[in-house]
N, C-alpha and C. Protein backbone atom coordinates (compact mmCIF):
# COMPACT_ATOMS: atom_id res chain seq x y z
N UNK A 1 -253.07 181.56 151.40
CA UNK A 1 -251.24 181.02 150.84
C UNK A 1 -251.12 181.32 149.56
N UNK A 2 -252.26 180.80 148.51
CA UNK A 2 -251.89 181.03 147.17
C UNK A 2 -251.65 182.23 146.65
N UNK A 3 -252.18 183.52 146.98
CA UNK A 3 -252.21 185.07 146.72
C UNK A 3 -251.16 185.59 147.47
N UNK A 4 -250.05 184.90 148.39
CA UNK A 4 -249.23 185.43 149.19
C UNK A 4 -247.36 186.08 148.06
N UNK A 5 -246.45 186.79 148.48
CA UNK A 5 -245.53 187.21 148.28
C UNK A 5 -244.60 185.72 147.72
N UNK A 6 -244.28 185.81 149.37
CA UNK A 6 -244.07 184.11 149.26
C UNK A 6 -244.51 182.93 148.63
N UNK A 7 -245.78 182.69 148.63
CA UNK A 7 -245.91 181.60 147.76
C UNK A 7 -245.59 181.22 146.04
N UNK A 8 -245.84 182.87 145.33
CA UNK A 8 -245.22 183.63 144.16
C UNK A 8 -243.60 182.84 144.48
N UNK A 9 -243.13 184.12 144.69
CA UNK A 9 -241.86 183.16 145.66
C UNK A 9 -240.88 182.08 145.16
N UNK A 10 -241.61 181.75 145.52
CA UNK A 10 -241.18 179.99 145.86
C UNK A 10 -241.73 179.32 144.83
N UNK A 11 -242.64 179.37 144.19
CA UNK A 11 -242.94 179.12 143.15
C UNK A 11 -242.71 179.20 141.79
N UNK A 12 -241.54 180.59 142.07
CA UNK A 12 -241.34 180.95 140.83
C UNK A 12 -239.81 180.08 140.49
N UNK A 13 -239.09 180.63 141.97
CA UNK A 13 -237.90 180.00 142.02
C UNK A 13 -238.15 177.92 141.67
N UNK A 14 -239.06 177.77 141.94
CA UNK A 14 -238.88 176.68 141.63
C UNK A 14 -240.12 175.87 140.49
N UNK A 15 -239.43 176.90 140.04
CA UNK A 15 -239.90 176.71 137.98
C UNK A 15 -238.71 176.79 137.27
N UNK A 16 -237.94 178.19 137.82
CA UNK A 16 -237.05 178.16 137.34
C UNK A 16 -235.62 177.05 137.43
N UNK A 17 -235.63 176.03 138.62
CA UNK A 17 -234.66 175.52 138.55
C UNK A 17 -235.12 174.38 138.02
N UNK A 18 -236.17 174.48 137.69
CA UNK A 18 -237.19 173.08 136.72
C UNK A 18 -236.69 172.94 135.28
N UNK A 19 -236.13 174.55 135.21
CA UNK A 19 -236.65 174.77 133.57
C UNK A 19 -235.04 174.74 133.84
N UNK A 20 -233.49 175.48 134.28
CA UNK A 20 -232.66 174.86 134.03
C UNK A 20 -232.14 172.90 133.96
N UNK A 21 -233.34 172.64 135.06
CA UNK A 21 -232.15 171.50 134.83
C UNK A 21 -233.09 170.42 134.25
N UNK A 22 -233.90 170.75 133.22
CA UNK A 22 -235.19 170.38 132.09
C UNK A 22 -233.91 170.70 130.69
N UNK A 23 -233.48 172.03 130.65
CA UNK A 23 -232.93 171.93 129.75
C UNK A 23 -231.03 171.78 129.88
N UNK A 24 -230.77 171.62 131.00
CA UNK A 24 -229.47 170.92 130.61
C UNK A 24 -229.53 169.74 130.35
N UNK A 25 -230.48 168.69 130.64
CA UNK A 25 -230.73 167.13 130.68
C UNK A 25 -231.19 167.45 129.18
N UNK A 26 -231.57 167.86 128.56
CA UNK A 26 -232.39 168.16 127.18
C UNK A 26 -230.57 167.87 126.15
N UNK A 27 -229.94 169.43 126.77
CA UNK A 27 -229.02 169.36 126.44
C UNK A 27 -227.51 168.34 126.46
N UNK A 28 -227.14 167.74 127.68
CA UNK A 28 -226.71 166.73 127.59
C UNK A 28 -226.85 165.29 126.87
N UNK A 29 -228.51 164.72 126.55
CA UNK A 29 -229.08 164.08 126.67
C UNK A 29 -229.30 164.24 125.03
N UNK A 30 -229.54 164.85 124.50
CA UNK A 30 -229.70 165.50 122.77
C UNK A 30 -228.90 165.82 122.13
N UNK A 31 -228.10 165.55 122.03
CA UNK A 31 -227.16 166.79 121.22
C UNK A 31 -225.68 166.04 121.77
N UNK A 32 -224.47 166.11 120.79
CA UNK A 32 -223.29 166.36 120.48
C UNK A 32 -222.48 167.81 120.23
N UNK A 33 -223.10 168.93 120.11
CA UNK A 33 -222.29 169.89 119.54
C UNK A 33 -223.40 170.71 119.88
N UNK A 34 -223.01 172.18 120.32
CA UNK A 34 -224.40 173.60 120.75
C UNK A 34 -225.17 173.28 119.05
N UNK A 35 -224.02 173.86 118.42
CA UNK A 35 -224.43 173.64 116.72
C UNK A 35 -225.87 172.66 116.42
N UNK A 36 -225.79 171.46 116.40
CA UNK A 36 -226.68 170.54 116.66
C UNK A 36 -227.64 170.67 117.45
N UNK A 37 -227.55 171.31 118.12
CA UNK A 37 -229.05 171.59 119.53
C UNK A 37 -230.32 172.04 118.53
N UNK A 38 -231.36 171.11 118.98
CA UNK A 38 -232.41 171.36 118.48
C UNK A 38 -233.08 172.63 119.12
N UNK A 39 -232.76 173.70 119.40
CA UNK A 39 -233.53 174.94 120.23
C UNK A 39 -235.05 174.78 120.37
N UNK A 40 -235.72 175.18 119.48
CA UNK A 40 -237.24 174.67 119.75
C UNK A 40 -237.80 174.06 120.26
N UNK A 41 -237.08 172.70 120.22
CA UNK A 41 -237.84 171.68 121.08
C UNK A 41 -237.33 171.78 122.29
N UNK A 42 -236.15 172.39 123.11
CA UNK A 42 -235.45 171.97 124.25
C UNK A 42 -236.44 173.31 125.20
N UNK A 43 -236.81 174.23 124.45
CA UNK A 43 -237.71 175.54 124.86
C UNK A 43 -238.60 175.64 125.13
N UNK A 44 -239.86 174.08 124.53
CA UNK A 44 -240.44 173.90 123.95
C UNK A 44 -240.57 172.56 125.43
N UNK A 45 -239.90 171.68 125.53
CA UNK A 45 -240.47 170.66 126.56
C UNK A 45 -239.67 171.30 127.85
N UNK A 46 -238.43 172.34 128.07
CA UNK A 46 -238.26 173.22 129.39
C UNK A 46 -239.80 174.03 129.70
N UNK A 47 -240.56 174.96 128.56
CA UNK A 47 -241.33 175.55 129.70
C UNK A 47 -242.48 173.99 129.69
N UNK A 48 -242.64 173.96 129.04
CA UNK A 48 -243.53 172.44 129.29
C UNK A 48 -243.33 172.05 130.98
N UNK A 49 -242.50 171.38 131.50
CA UNK A 49 -242.12 171.52 132.64
C UNK A 49 -241.59 172.16 133.99
N UNK A 50 -241.82 173.78 133.75
CA UNK A 50 -241.97 175.17 133.71
C UNK A 50 -243.26 175.11 134.32
N UNK A 51 -244.14 175.03 133.35
CA UNK A 51 -245.85 175.22 133.35
C UNK A 51 -246.36 173.71 134.41
N UNK A 52 -245.77 172.68 134.54
CA UNK A 52 -246.07 171.65 135.29
C UNK A 52 -245.26 171.96 136.94
N UNK A 53 -244.35 172.54 136.89
CA UNK A 53 -243.87 173.15 137.86
C UNK A 53 -244.59 174.04 139.06
N UNK A 54 -245.07 174.84 137.67
CA UNK A 54 -246.13 175.85 138.63
C UNK A 54 -247.13 175.62 139.12
N UNK A 55 -247.78 174.50 138.70
CA UNK A 55 -249.27 174.48 138.73
C UNK A 55 -248.96 172.98 139.75
N UNK A 56 -247.85 172.33 140.40
CA UNK A 56 -248.09 171.33 141.10
C UNK A 56 -247.62 172.32 142.29
N UNK A 57 -247.05 173.67 142.07
CA UNK A 57 -246.78 174.68 143.19
C UNK A 57 -248.07 175.51 143.65
N UNK A 58 -248.89 175.63 142.70
CA UNK A 58 -250.94 175.82 142.97
C UNK A 58 -250.54 174.55 143.69
N UNK A 59 -250.83 173.31 143.37
CA UNK A 59 -251.86 172.05 143.42
C UNK A 59 -251.12 171.56 145.17
N UNK A 60 -249.97 172.27 145.77
CA UNK A 60 -249.73 172.63 147.31
C UNK A 60 -249.27 173.31 147.51
N UNK A 61 -249.83 174.53 147.82
CA UNK A 61 -249.62 175.81 148.24
C UNK A 61 -248.99 175.82 149.35
N UNK A 62 -249.15 175.10 150.26
CA UNK A 62 -249.12 175.09 151.74
C UNK A 62 -247.49 174.75 151.82
N UNK A 63 -247.07 173.96 150.78
CA UNK A 63 -245.59 172.68 150.95
C UNK A 63 -244.73 174.15 150.04
N UNK A 64 -245.42 174.73 149.81
CA UNK A 64 -244.08 175.54 148.66
C UNK A 64 -242.77 176.41 149.65
N UNK A 65 -242.16 177.25 148.74
CA UNK A 65 -241.03 177.64 149.54
C UNK A 65 -241.33 178.82 149.66
N UNK A 66 -240.98 178.92 151.07
CA UNK A 66 -241.58 180.35 151.72
C UNK A 66 -242.25 180.38 152.87
N UNK A 67 -243.33 179.59 152.83
CA UNK A 67 -244.21 178.67 153.95
C UNK A 67 -243.75 178.51 155.37
N UNK A 68 -243.98 179.07 156.38
CA UNK A 68 -243.18 178.93 157.38
C UNK A 68 -244.38 178.33 158.55
N UNK A 69 -244.04 177.66 159.90
CA UNK A 69 -244.90 177.22 161.14
C UNK A 69 -244.21 177.56 161.73
N UNK A 70 -245.33 177.50 162.86
CA UNK A 70 -244.09 177.76 164.22
C UNK A 70 -244.33 176.56 164.58
N UNK A 71 -243.61 175.93 165.36
CA UNK A 71 -243.08 174.95 166.60
C UNK A 71 -242.91 175.34 167.69
N UNK A 72 -243.80 174.87 168.72
CA UNK A 72 -243.53 175.05 170.14
C UNK A 72 -243.11 173.23 170.65
N UNK A 73 -242.47 173.39 171.35
CA UNK A 73 -241.45 172.71 172.44
C UNK A 73 -241.71 173.30 173.81
N UNK A 74 -242.55 171.97 174.04
CA UNK A 74 -242.59 171.68 175.81
C UNK A 74 -241.68 170.53 176.05
N UNK A 75 -241.40 170.48 177.33
CA UNK A 75 -240.40 169.97 178.00
C UNK A 75 -241.40 169.26 178.99
N UNK A 76 -241.50 167.93 179.41
CA UNK A 76 -242.34 167.29 180.74
C UNK A 76 -241.28 166.70 181.20
N UNK A 77 -241.83 167.15 182.79
CA UNK A 77 -240.52 166.79 183.95
C UNK A 77 -241.19 165.86 184.76
N UNK A 78 -242.24 165.20 184.24
CA UNK A 78 -242.89 164.59 184.70
C UNK A 78 -244.28 163.87 184.11
N UNK A 79 -244.86 162.85 184.44
CA UNK A 79 -246.20 161.87 183.47
C UNK A 79 -246.85 162.63 183.62
N UNK A 80 -247.08 163.97 183.82
CA UNK A 80 -248.73 164.20 184.87
C UNK A 80 -248.21 165.16 183.02
N UNK A 81 -247.68 165.99 182.87
CA UNK A 81 -246.62 167.19 181.99
C UNK A 81 -246.95 166.91 180.87
N UNK A 82 -246.44 165.52 180.38
CA UNK A 82 -246.25 164.47 178.87
C UNK A 82 -247.73 164.80 178.92
N UNK A 83 -248.37 163.80 179.87
CA UNK A 83 -249.92 163.78 179.45
C UNK A 83 -250.80 164.79 179.32
N UNK A 84 -250.25 165.69 180.03
CA UNK A 84 -250.97 167.65 179.65
C UNK A 84 -250.78 167.97 178.33
N UNK A 85 -248.80 167.62 178.11
CA UNK A 85 -248.86 168.26 176.67
C UNK A 85 -249.43 167.62 175.59
N UNK A 86 -249.61 166.13 175.86
CA UNK A 86 -249.53 165.28 174.58
C UNK A 86 -251.43 165.75 174.12
N UNK A 87 -252.19 165.76 175.32
CA UNK A 87 -253.56 166.32 175.32
C UNK A 87 -253.91 167.77 174.88
N UNK A 88 -252.89 168.83 175.02
CA UNK A 88 -252.77 170.21 174.29
C UNK A 88 -252.23 169.96 172.84
N UNK A 89 -251.02 169.01 172.51
CA UNK A 89 -251.17 168.91 171.63
C UNK A 89 -252.04 168.30 170.50
N UNK A 90 -253.36 167.39 170.77
CA UNK A 90 -253.88 166.61 169.94
C UNK A 90 -254.69 167.72 170.14
N UNK A 91 -255.64 168.70 170.59
CA UNK A 91 -256.59 169.64 170.88
C UNK A 91 -256.62 170.36 169.62
N UNK A 92 -255.39 170.72 169.83
CA UNK A 92 -254.79 171.73 169.32
C UNK A 92 -254.62 171.09 167.31
N UNK A 93 -253.74 170.33 167.15
CA UNK A 93 -253.81 169.52 166.01
C UNK A 93 -254.96 168.52 165.10
N UNK A 94 -255.37 167.58 165.97
CA UNK A 94 -256.90 167.17 165.79
C UNK A 94 -255.97 165.38 165.47
N UNK A 95 -254.11 165.77 165.64
CA UNK A 95 -254.07 164.15 166.14
C UNK A 95 -254.08 163.67 166.91
N UNK A 96 -253.67 162.65 167.24
CA UNK A 96 -253.84 161.38 168.54
C UNK A 96 -252.86 160.54 167.99
N UNK A 97 -251.61 161.13 169.30
CA UNK A 97 -250.22 160.23 169.32
C UNK A 97 -250.67 159.13 170.62
N UNK A 98 -249.60 158.50 170.53
CA UNK A 98 -249.64 157.31 171.22
C UNK A 98 -248.44 157.11 172.59
């Protein structure tokens, strides 16, 4: 999952969004005007936030935007169909349902 195009596209999207949000927040909170803006500090903090975002994406690669999962929906017509469907789902996922 980590070496797919979809992963890196999702990680880049999250990094860019995080960077934009961080820079905007620093601008709103940190200054009263564009000329008073501390660009070096702002870009340093923004860069750190982008790196943290990408590292978070790497740490949770299955959750990054672009990941797809297949969901199968089965409709039970009676109790025996329901029980069979639940046992099938437990076997596939390893999760026990009640």
